[in-house]
């Protein structure tokens, strides 16, 4: 799934957005992006139908990843240029339990990377699924509810 809109997605491309409050944790994103990759990231993602779960835009080198249905900001990534590469210098995840139920920072690091790699860059990386979740839910159910996608899955430890 790539941005179906030829225009660059901006904050004004979607309604009812809420942004991170003080209830947030800092996490890491251990990946540097080339200029070409950063150009793709900067285009963002505009949902085209109900299966598109994310609205994403870049503003002032900060990437905002919002759930499309309710508009909550789940991740915020500040990029800085470093030797022709862009690195995530500051990454935040929403920890307001009324907006986002996840509490595991390590899982969020993997999920955020999956979203950037697949939804923005068009790569084909595996969706991270916890071992216990893969036992409790039908294959693909969690991925569809979180990302609206059907990539292969890889089990990870909690």
N, C-alpha and C. Protein backbone atom coordinates (compact mmCIF):
# COMPACT_ATOMS: atom_id res chain seq x y z
N UNK A 1 0.85 -1.16 0.00
CA UNK A 1 0.00 0.00 0.00
C UNK A 1 0.90 1.23 0.00
N UNK A 2 0.76 2.03 -1.00
CA UNK A 2 1.49 3.29 -1.07
C UNK A 2 0.50 4.43 -1.14
N UNK A 3 1.00 5.62 -1.01
CA UNK A 3 0.14 6.79 -1.09
C UNK A 3 -0.54 6.81 -2.45
N UNK A 4 -1.85 6.63 -2.43
CA UNK A 4 -2.61 6.62 -3.68
C UNK A 4 -2.81 8.01 -4.25
N UNK A 5 -2.39 9.00 -3.55
CA UNK A 5 -2.56 10.38 -3.97
C UNK A 5 -1.22 10.89 -4.49
N UNK A 6 -1.23 11.53 -5.64
CA UNK A 6 0.03 12.04 -6.22
C UNK A 6 0.56 13.22 -5.41
N UNK A 7 -0.32 13.90 -4.67
CA UNK A 7 0.11 15.05 -3.87
C UNK A 7 0.78 14.58 -2.59
N UNK A 8 1.58 15.45 -2.03
CA UNK A 8 2.19 15.17 -0.74
C UNK A 8 1.13 15.35 0.34
N UNK A 9 1.05 14.38 1.24
CA UNK A 9 0.08 14.43 2.33
C UNK A 9 0.54 15.44 3.38
N UNK A 10 -0.38 16.27 3.84
CA UNK A 10 -0.07 17.26 4.87
C UNK A 10 -1.07 17.12 6.02
N UNK A 11 -0.82 17.83 7.07
CA UNK A 11 -1.72 17.86 8.23
C UNK A 11 -3.15 18.20 7.79
N UNK A 12 -3.30 19.04 6.79
CA UNK A 12 -4.62 19.47 6.33
C UNK A 12 -5.32 18.45 5.44
N UNK A 13 -4.65 17.35 5.14
CA UNK A 13 -5.23 16.32 4.28
C UNK A 13 -6.24 15.44 5.03
N UNK A 14 -6.32 15.57 6.34
CA UNK A 14 -7.18 14.72 7.16
C UNK A 14 -7.81 15.55 8.27
N UNK A 15 -8.96 15.14 8.75
CA UNK A 15 -9.65 15.88 9.80
C UNK A 15 -9.54 15.16 11.15
N UNK A 16 -9.88 15.88 12.20
CA UNK A 16 -10.00 15.32 13.55
C UNK A 16 -8.72 14.68 14.08
N UNK A 17 -7.60 15.32 13.89
CA UNK A 17 -6.34 14.79 14.39
C UNK A 17 -6.10 15.21 15.83
N UNK A 18 -5.61 14.29 16.64
CA UNK A 18 -5.14 14.62 17.98
C UNK A 18 -3.65 14.32 18.03
N UNK A 19 -2.92 15.08 18.81
CA UNK A 19 -1.47 14.93 18.85
C UNK A 19 -1.02 14.42 20.21
N UNK A 20 0.23 14.02 20.31
CA UNK A 20 0.75 13.42 21.53
C UNK A 20 0.62 14.36 22.72
N UNK A 21 0.22 13.79 23.84
CA UNK A 21 0.15 14.54 25.09
C UNK A 21 1.42 14.23 25.90
N UNK A 22 1.39 14.53 27.17
CA UNK A 22 2.52 14.21 28.04
C UNK A 22 2.62 12.72 28.32
N UNK A 23 1.57 11.98 28.00
CA UNK A 23 1.56 10.53 28.21
C UNK A 23 2.21 9.87 27.01
N UNK A 24 3.54 9.85 27.01
CA UNK A 24 4.29 9.30 25.88
C UNK A 24 5.61 8.76 26.40
N UNK A 25 6.17 7.83 25.65
CA UNK A 25 7.49 7.27 25.96
C UNK A 25 8.41 7.52 24.79
N UNK A 26 9.67 7.71 25.11
CA UNK A 26 10.67 7.82 24.05
C UNK A 26 11.17 6.42 23.72
N UNK A 27 11.20 6.10 22.43
CA UNK A 27 11.70 4.81 21.97
C UNK A 27 12.78 5.08 20.94
N UNK A 28 13.37 4.01 20.40
CA UNK A 28 14.43 4.20 19.39
C UNK A 28 14.00 3.59 18.06
N UNK A 29 14.63 4.07 17.02
CA UNK A 29 14.43 3.53 15.68
C UNK A 29 15.81 3.40 15.09
N UNK A 30 16.32 2.20 15.09
CA UNK A 30 17.70 1.94 14.68
C UNK A 30 17.77 1.71 13.17
N UNK A 31 17.61 2.79 12.42
CA UNK A 31 17.62 2.70 10.96
C UNK A 31 17.92 4.09 10.41
N UNK A 32 18.83 4.17 9.46
CA UNK A 32 19.10 5.42 8.76
C UNK A 32 18.54 5.29 7.36
N UNK A 33 18.07 6.43 6.82
CA UNK A 33 17.39 6.43 5.54
C UNK A 33 18.17 7.27 4.54
N UNK A 34 18.24 6.79 3.30
CA UNK A 34 18.91 7.54 2.24
C UNK A 34 18.06 8.74 1.85
N UNK A 35 18.62 9.62 1.05
CA UNK A 35 17.84 10.77 0.57
C UNK A 35 16.63 10.32 -0.24
N UNK A 36 16.81 9.29 -1.06
CA UNK A 36 15.69 8.77 -1.86
C UNK A 36 14.60 8.19 -0.96
N UNK A 37 15.00 7.47 0.08
CA UNK A 37 14.02 6.92 1.02
C UNK A 37 13.31 8.04 1.78
N UNK A 38 14.07 9.05 2.18
CA UNK A 38 13.47 10.16 2.91
C UNK A 38 12.47 10.92 2.03
N UNK A 39 12.75 11.00 0.76
CA UNK A 39 11.81 11.63 -0.18
C UNK A 39 10.49 10.86 -0.19
N UNK A 40 10.56 9.52 -0.21
CA UNK A 40 9.34 8.70 -0.15
C UNK A 40 8.61 8.91 1.18
N UNK A 41 9.36 8.91 2.26
CA UNK A 41 8.77 9.12 3.59
C UNK A 41 8.06 10.47 3.63
N UNK A 42 8.67 11.47 3.03
CA UNK A 42 8.11 12.83 3.09
C UNK A 42 6.78 12.96 2.35
N UNK A 43 6.45 12.03 1.50
CA UNK A 43 5.17 12.07 0.78
C UNK A 43 4.00 11.70 1.68
N UNK A 44 4.28 10.93 2.73
CA UNK A 44 3.24 10.53 3.67
C UNK A 44 2.33 9.47 3.11
N UNK A 45 1.19 9.30 3.77
CA UNK A 45 0.22 8.28 3.36
C UNK A 45 -1.18 8.79 3.65
N UNK A 46 -1.98 8.83 2.62
CA UNK A 46 -3.37 9.24 2.73
C UNK A 46 -4.25 8.00 2.60
N UNK A 47 -5.06 7.69 3.61
CA UNK A 47 -5.93 6.51 3.51
C UNK A 47 -6.92 6.66 2.35
N UNK A 48 -7.13 5.57 1.63
CA UNK A 48 -8.05 5.60 0.49
C UNK A 48 -9.34 4.85 0.77
N UNK A 49 -9.30 3.90 1.74
CA UNK A 49 -10.52 3.18 2.10
C UNK A 49 -10.43 2.71 3.55
N UNK A 50 -11.46 1.99 3.99
CA UNK A 50 -11.56 1.58 5.40
C UNK A 50 -10.44 0.65 5.85
N UNK A 51 -9.82 -0.07 4.93
CA UNK A 51 -8.74 -0.97 5.31
C UNK A 51 -7.42 -0.24 5.54
N UNK A 52 -7.34 1.00 5.12
CA UNK A 52 -6.12 1.79 5.35
C UNK A 52 -6.21 2.36 6.77
N UNK A 53 -5.39 1.84 7.65
CA UNK A 53 -5.50 2.15 9.08
C UNK A 53 -4.69 3.36 9.52
N UNK A 54 -3.84 3.91 8.64
CA UNK A 54 -2.92 4.96 9.05
C UNK A 54 -3.02 6.19 8.15
N UNK A 55 -2.90 7.34 8.75
CA UNK A 55 -2.72 8.62 8.08
C UNK A 55 -1.36 9.13 8.52
N UNK A 56 -0.47 9.41 7.57
CA UNK A 56 0.91 9.75 7.91
C UNK A 56 1.33 10.99 7.12
N UNK A 57 1.99 11.92 7.81
CA UNK A 57 2.52 13.09 7.12
C UNK A 57 3.81 13.56 7.79
N UNK A 58 4.61 14.28 7.00
CA UNK A 58 5.87 14.85 7.49
C UNK A 58 5.73 16.37 7.49
N UNK A 59 6.16 16.97 8.60
CA UNK A 59 6.10 18.43 8.74
C UNK A 59 7.32 18.87 9.54
N UNK A 60 8.12 19.76 8.97
CA UNK A 60 9.33 20.26 9.65
C UNK A 60 10.23 19.11 10.12
N UNK A 61 10.41 18.13 9.26
CA UNK A 61 11.24 16.94 9.52
C UNK A 61 10.74 16.09 10.67
N UNK A 62 9.46 16.23 11.02
CA UNK A 62 8.83 15.36 12.02
C UNK A 62 7.75 14.55 11.31
N UNK A 63 7.85 13.24 11.43
CA UNK A 63 6.88 12.33 10.84
C UNK A 63 5.81 12.03 11.89
N UNK A 64 4.56 12.22 11.52
CA UNK A 64 3.42 11.96 12.40
C UNK A 64 2.66 10.76 11.85
N UNK A 65 2.45 9.75 12.68
CA UNK A 65 1.70 8.57 12.28
C UNK A 65 0.44 8.51 13.14
N UNK A 66 -0.71 8.72 12.48
CA UNK A 66 -2.01 8.76 13.15
C UNK A 66 -2.85 7.56 12.73
N UNK A 67 -3.65 7.05 13.66
CA UNK A 67 -4.67 6.08 13.30
C UNK A 67 -5.71 6.83 12.47
N UNK A 68 -6.10 6.27 11.35
CA UNK A 68 -6.96 7.02 10.42
C UNK A 68 -8.39 7.18 10.93
N UNK A 69 -8.94 6.19 11.57
CA UNK A 69 -10.35 6.27 11.95
C UNK A 69 -10.60 7.30 13.04
N UNK A 70 -9.78 7.29 14.09
CA UNK A 70 -10.02 8.16 15.23
C UNK A 70 -9.09 9.38 15.27
N UNK A 71 -8.02 9.35 14.49
CA UNK A 71 -7.13 10.50 14.38
C UNK A 71 -6.05 10.63 15.43
N UNK A 72 -5.93 9.65 16.34
CA UNK A 72 -4.90 9.75 17.37
C UNK A 72 -3.50 9.60 16.79
N UNK A 73 -2.61 10.45 17.27
CA UNK A 73 -1.20 10.31 16.91
C UNK A 73 -0.62 9.20 17.77
N UNK A 74 -0.04 8.18 17.14
CA UNK A 74 0.54 7.06 17.87
C UNK A 74 2.05 7.20 17.92
N UNK A 75 2.66 7.61 16.82
CA UNK A 75 4.12 7.77 16.76
C UNK A 75 4.47 9.15 16.23
N UNK A 76 5.60 9.64 16.70
CA UNK A 76 6.15 10.91 16.21
C UNK A 76 7.66 10.71 16.09
N UNK A 77 8.21 10.96 14.90
CA UNK A 77 9.63 10.71 14.62
C UNK A 77 10.27 11.99 14.09
N UNK A 78 11.28 12.48 14.80
CA UNK A 78 12.04 13.64 14.32
C UNK A 78 13.27 13.12 13.58
N UNK A 79 13.43 13.59 12.34
CA UNK A 79 14.58 13.19 11.52
C UNK A 79 15.61 14.31 11.49
N UNK A 80 16.88 13.92 11.49
CA UNK A 80 17.97 14.88 11.29
C UNK A 80 18.87 14.33 10.19
N UNK A 81 19.39 15.26 9.39
CA UNK A 81 20.31 14.88 8.30
C UNK A 81 21.69 14.68 8.88
N UNK A 82 22.35 13.64 8.39
CA UNK A 82 23.69 13.30 8.88
C UNK A 82 24.45 12.59 7.76
N UNK A 83 25.40 13.28 7.13
CA UNK A 83 26.21 12.68 6.06
C UNK A 83 25.37 12.06 4.95
N UNK A 84 24.46 12.84 4.37
CA UNK A 84 23.59 12.39 3.28
C UNK A 84 22.62 11.28 3.68
N UNK A 85 22.45 11.07 4.97
CA UNK A 85 21.48 10.11 5.47
C UNK A 85 20.55 10.84 6.44
N UNK A 86 19.40 10.25 6.67
CA UNK A 86 18.46 10.79 7.63
C UNK A 86 18.27 9.77 8.74
N UNK A 87 18.48 10.23 9.97
CA UNK A 87 18.31 9.31 11.10
C UNK A 87 17.20 9.81 12.00
N UNK A 88 16.57 8.87 12.67
CA UNK A 88 15.52 9.20 13.62
C UNK A 88 16.22 9.63 14.91
N UNK A 89 16.25 10.93 15.14
CA UNK A 89 16.98 11.44 16.30
C UNK A 89 16.12 11.48 17.56
N UNK A 90 14.82 11.47 17.38
CA UNK A 90 13.89 11.49 18.52
C UNK A 90 12.61 10.79 18.11
N UNK A 91 12.21 9.77 18.86
CA UNK A 91 11.04 8.98 18.51
C UNK A 91 10.15 8.86 19.75
N UNK A 92 8.89 9.17 19.59
CA UNK A 92 7.93 9.10 20.69
C UNK A 92 6.78 8.19 20.33
N UNK A 93 6.25 7.50 21.34
CA UNK A 93 5.07 6.65 21.17
C UNK A 93 4.01 7.09 22.19
N UNK A 94 2.78 7.07 21.76
CA UNK A 94 1.65 7.43 22.60
C UNK A 94 1.46 6.39 23.71
N UNK A 95 1.33 6.85 24.95
CA UNK A 95 1.06 5.94 26.06
C UNK A 95 -0.20 6.34 26.83
N UNK A 96 -1.07 7.08 26.17
CA UNK A 96 -2.37 7.40 26.74
C UNK A 96 -3.25 6.17 26.53
N UNK A 97 -3.57 5.47 27.59
CA UNK A 97 -4.30 4.20 27.50
C UNK A 97 -5.69 4.36 26.88
N UNK A 98 -6.23 5.55 26.90
CA UNK A 98 -7.53 5.78 26.26
C UNK A 98 -7.41 5.90 24.75
N UNK A 99 -6.19 6.14 24.25
CA UNK A 99 -5.97 6.29 22.82
C UNK A 99 -5.24 5.12 22.19
N UNK A 100 -4.38 4.44 23.01
CA UNK A 100 -3.54 3.39 22.46
C UNK A 100 -3.24 2.40 23.57
N UNK A 101 -3.56 1.15 23.35
CA UNK A 101 -3.48 0.13 24.40
C UNK A 101 -2.09 -0.50 24.56
N UNK A 102 -1.26 -0.42 23.55
CA UNK A 102 0.05 -1.06 23.61
C UNK A 102 0.90 -0.41 24.71
N UNK A 103 1.70 -1.22 25.41
CA UNK A 103 2.57 -0.71 26.48
C UNK A 103 4.02 -1.16 26.33
N UNK A 104 4.30 -2.01 25.36
CA UNK A 104 5.63 -2.58 25.20
C UNK A 104 6.45 -1.75 24.21
N UNK A 105 7.44 -1.01 24.73
CA UNK A 105 8.26 -0.14 23.88
C UNK A 105 9.02 -0.92 22.81
N UNK A 106 9.55 -2.07 23.15
CA UNK A 106 10.32 -2.86 22.17
C UNK A 106 9.43 -3.32 21.02
N UNK A 107 8.19 -3.71 21.33
CA UNK A 107 7.27 -4.08 20.27
C UNK A 107 6.95 -2.87 19.39
N UNK A 108 6.74 -1.72 20.02
CA UNK A 108 6.44 -0.52 19.24
C UNK A 108 7.59 -0.13 18.32
N UNK A 109 8.82 -0.36 18.74
CA UNK A 109 9.96 -0.08 17.86
C UNK A 109 9.88 -0.94 16.60
N UNK A 110 9.55 -2.21 16.77
CA UNK A 110 9.43 -3.12 15.62
C UNK A 110 8.23 -2.76 14.74
N UNK A 111 7.12 -2.43 15.38
CA UNK A 111 5.92 -2.08 14.62
C UNK A 111 6.12 -0.78 13.83
N UNK A 112 6.70 0.21 14.46
CA UNK A 112 6.97 1.48 13.77
C UNK A 112 7.87 1.26 12.55
N UNK A 113 8.91 0.48 12.71
CA UNK A 113 9.79 0.20 11.58
C UNK A 113 9.04 -0.53 10.47
N UNK A 114 8.19 -1.49 10.83
CA UNK A 114 7.36 -2.18 9.83
C UNK A 114 6.50 -1.18 9.06
N UNK A 115 5.86 -0.25 9.77
CA UNK A 115 4.98 0.72 9.11
C UNK A 115 5.74 1.60 8.13
N UNK A 116 6.90 2.08 8.55
CA UNK A 116 7.71 2.93 7.65
C UNK A 116 8.20 2.13 6.45
N UNK A 117 8.76 0.96 6.72
CA UNK A 117 9.32 0.12 5.64
C UNK A 117 8.26 -0.25 4.61
N UNK A 118 7.09 -0.65 5.06
CA UNK A 118 6.09 -1.17 4.14
C UNK A 118 5.12 -0.11 3.61
N UNK A 119 4.56 0.69 4.50
CA UNK A 119 3.55 1.65 4.05
C UNK A 119 4.13 2.84 3.33
N UNK A 120 5.31 3.29 3.75
CA UNK A 120 5.91 4.48 3.13
C UNK A 120 6.96 4.16 2.09
N UNK A 121 7.77 3.14 2.34
CA UNK A 121 8.86 2.83 1.41
C UNK A 121 8.51 1.75 0.39
N UNK A 122 7.39 1.07 0.60
CA UNK A 122 6.97 0.04 -0.36
C UNK A 122 7.78 -1.24 -0.31
N UNK A 123 8.47 -1.48 0.81
CA UNK A 123 9.23 -2.71 0.97
C UNK A 123 8.31 -3.86 1.37
N UNK A 124 8.88 -5.03 1.52
CA UNK A 124 8.10 -6.21 1.88
C UNK A 124 8.75 -6.88 3.09
N UNK A 125 8.65 -6.21 4.24
CA UNK A 125 9.22 -6.79 5.46
C UNK A 125 8.11 -7.46 6.26
N UNK A 126 8.49 -8.40 7.09
CA UNK A 126 7.52 -9.18 7.86
C UNK A 126 6.88 -8.35 8.97
N UNK A 127 5.61 -8.62 9.21
CA UNK A 127 4.89 -7.97 10.30
C UNK A 127 5.28 -8.63 11.61
N UNK A 128 5.64 -7.84 12.64
CA UNK A 128 6.02 -8.44 13.93
C UNK A 128 4.78 -8.87 14.71
N UNK A 129 4.74 -10.14 15.07
CA UNK A 129 3.63 -10.65 15.88
C UNK A 129 4.20 -11.43 17.06
N UNK A 130 3.65 -11.19 18.22
CA UNK A 130 4.12 -11.86 19.43
C UNK A 130 3.77 -13.34 19.37
N UNK A 131 4.63 -14.16 19.95
CA UNK A 131 4.41 -15.60 19.97
C UNK A 131 3.04 -15.92 20.57
N UNK A 132 2.71 -15.32 21.70
CA UNK A 132 1.42 -15.60 22.34
C UNK A 132 0.25 -15.16 21.48
N UNK A 133 0.37 -14.03 20.81
CA UNK A 133 -0.71 -13.56 19.95
C UNK A 133 -0.92 -14.50 18.77
N UNK A 134 0.17 -15.06 18.24
CA UNK A 134 0.03 -15.95 17.09
C UNK A 134 -0.68 -17.24 17.48
N UNK A 135 -0.68 -17.57 18.77
CA UNK A 135 -1.39 -18.76 19.25
C UNK A 135 -2.86 -18.46 19.53
N UNK A 136 -3.15 -17.22 19.94
CA UNK A 136 -4.49 -16.86 20.39
C UNK A 136 -5.42 -16.34 19.30
N UNK A 137 -4.86 -15.90 18.17
CA UNK A 137 -5.68 -15.28 17.13
C UNK A 137 -5.42 -15.95 15.78
N UNK A 138 -6.40 -15.93 14.89
CA UNK A 138 -6.18 -16.50 13.55
C UNK A 138 -5.06 -15.74 12.82
N UNK A 139 -4.34 -16.45 11.98
CA UNK A 139 -3.25 -15.84 11.21
C UNK A 139 -3.77 -14.63 10.44
N UNK A 140 -3.07 -13.52 10.58
CA UNK A 140 -3.40 -12.31 9.85
C UNK A 140 -4.38 -11.38 10.54
N UNK A 141 -5.08 -11.86 11.58
CA UNK A 141 -6.11 -11.04 12.23
C UNK A 141 -5.52 -9.81 12.92
N UNK A 142 -4.45 -9.99 13.65
CA UNK A 142 -3.85 -8.86 14.37
C UNK A 142 -3.23 -7.88 13.38
N UNK A 143 -2.53 -8.40 12.39
CA UNK A 143 -1.93 -7.53 11.39
C UNK A 143 -3.00 -6.69 10.69
N UNK A 144 -4.10 -7.31 10.33
CA UNK A 144 -5.15 -6.56 9.64
C UNK A 144 -5.72 -5.47 10.55
N UNK A 145 -5.92 -5.77 11.83
CA UNK A 145 -6.51 -4.76 12.72
C UNK A 145 -5.54 -3.61 12.99
N UNK A 146 -4.24 -3.89 13.01
CA UNK A 146 -3.25 -2.84 13.29
C UNK A 146 -2.85 -2.09 12.02
N UNK A 147 -2.56 -2.84 10.97
CA UNK A 147 -1.97 -2.22 9.78
C UNK A 147 -2.85 -2.28 8.54
N UNK A 148 -3.87 -3.12 8.55
CA UNK A 148 -4.71 -3.25 7.37
C UNK A 148 -3.99 -3.93 6.21
N UNK A 149 -2.95 -4.69 6.53
CA UNK A 149 -2.11 -5.30 5.50
C UNK A 149 -2.11 -6.82 5.62
N UNK A 150 -1.45 -7.47 4.67
CA UNK A 150 -1.35 -8.93 4.69
C UNK A 150 0.05 -9.38 4.30
N UNK A 151 1.05 -8.80 4.93
CA UNK A 151 2.43 -9.23 4.72
C UNK A 151 2.69 -10.51 5.50
N UNK A 152 3.76 -11.20 5.17
CA UNK A 152 4.13 -12.36 5.97
C UNK A 152 4.36 -11.89 7.39
N UNK A 153 4.28 -12.83 8.33
CA UNK A 153 4.45 -12.48 9.74
C UNK A 153 5.67 -13.18 10.31
N UNK A 154 6.28 -12.54 11.30
CA UNK A 154 7.40 -13.14 12.00
C UNK A 154 7.14 -13.05 13.49
N UNK A 155 7.27 -14.19 14.17
CA UNK A 155 7.01 -14.23 15.61
C UNK A 155 8.18 -13.60 16.36
N UNK A 156 7.84 -12.83 17.38
CA UNK A 156 8.86 -12.22 18.24
C UNK A 156 8.50 -12.51 19.68
N UNK A 157 9.50 -12.54 20.54
CA UNK A 157 9.28 -12.72 21.97
C UNK A 157 8.82 -11.42 22.57
N UNK A 158 8.00 -11.50 23.60
CA UNK A 158 7.54 -10.30 24.31
C UNK A 158 8.69 -9.62 25.01
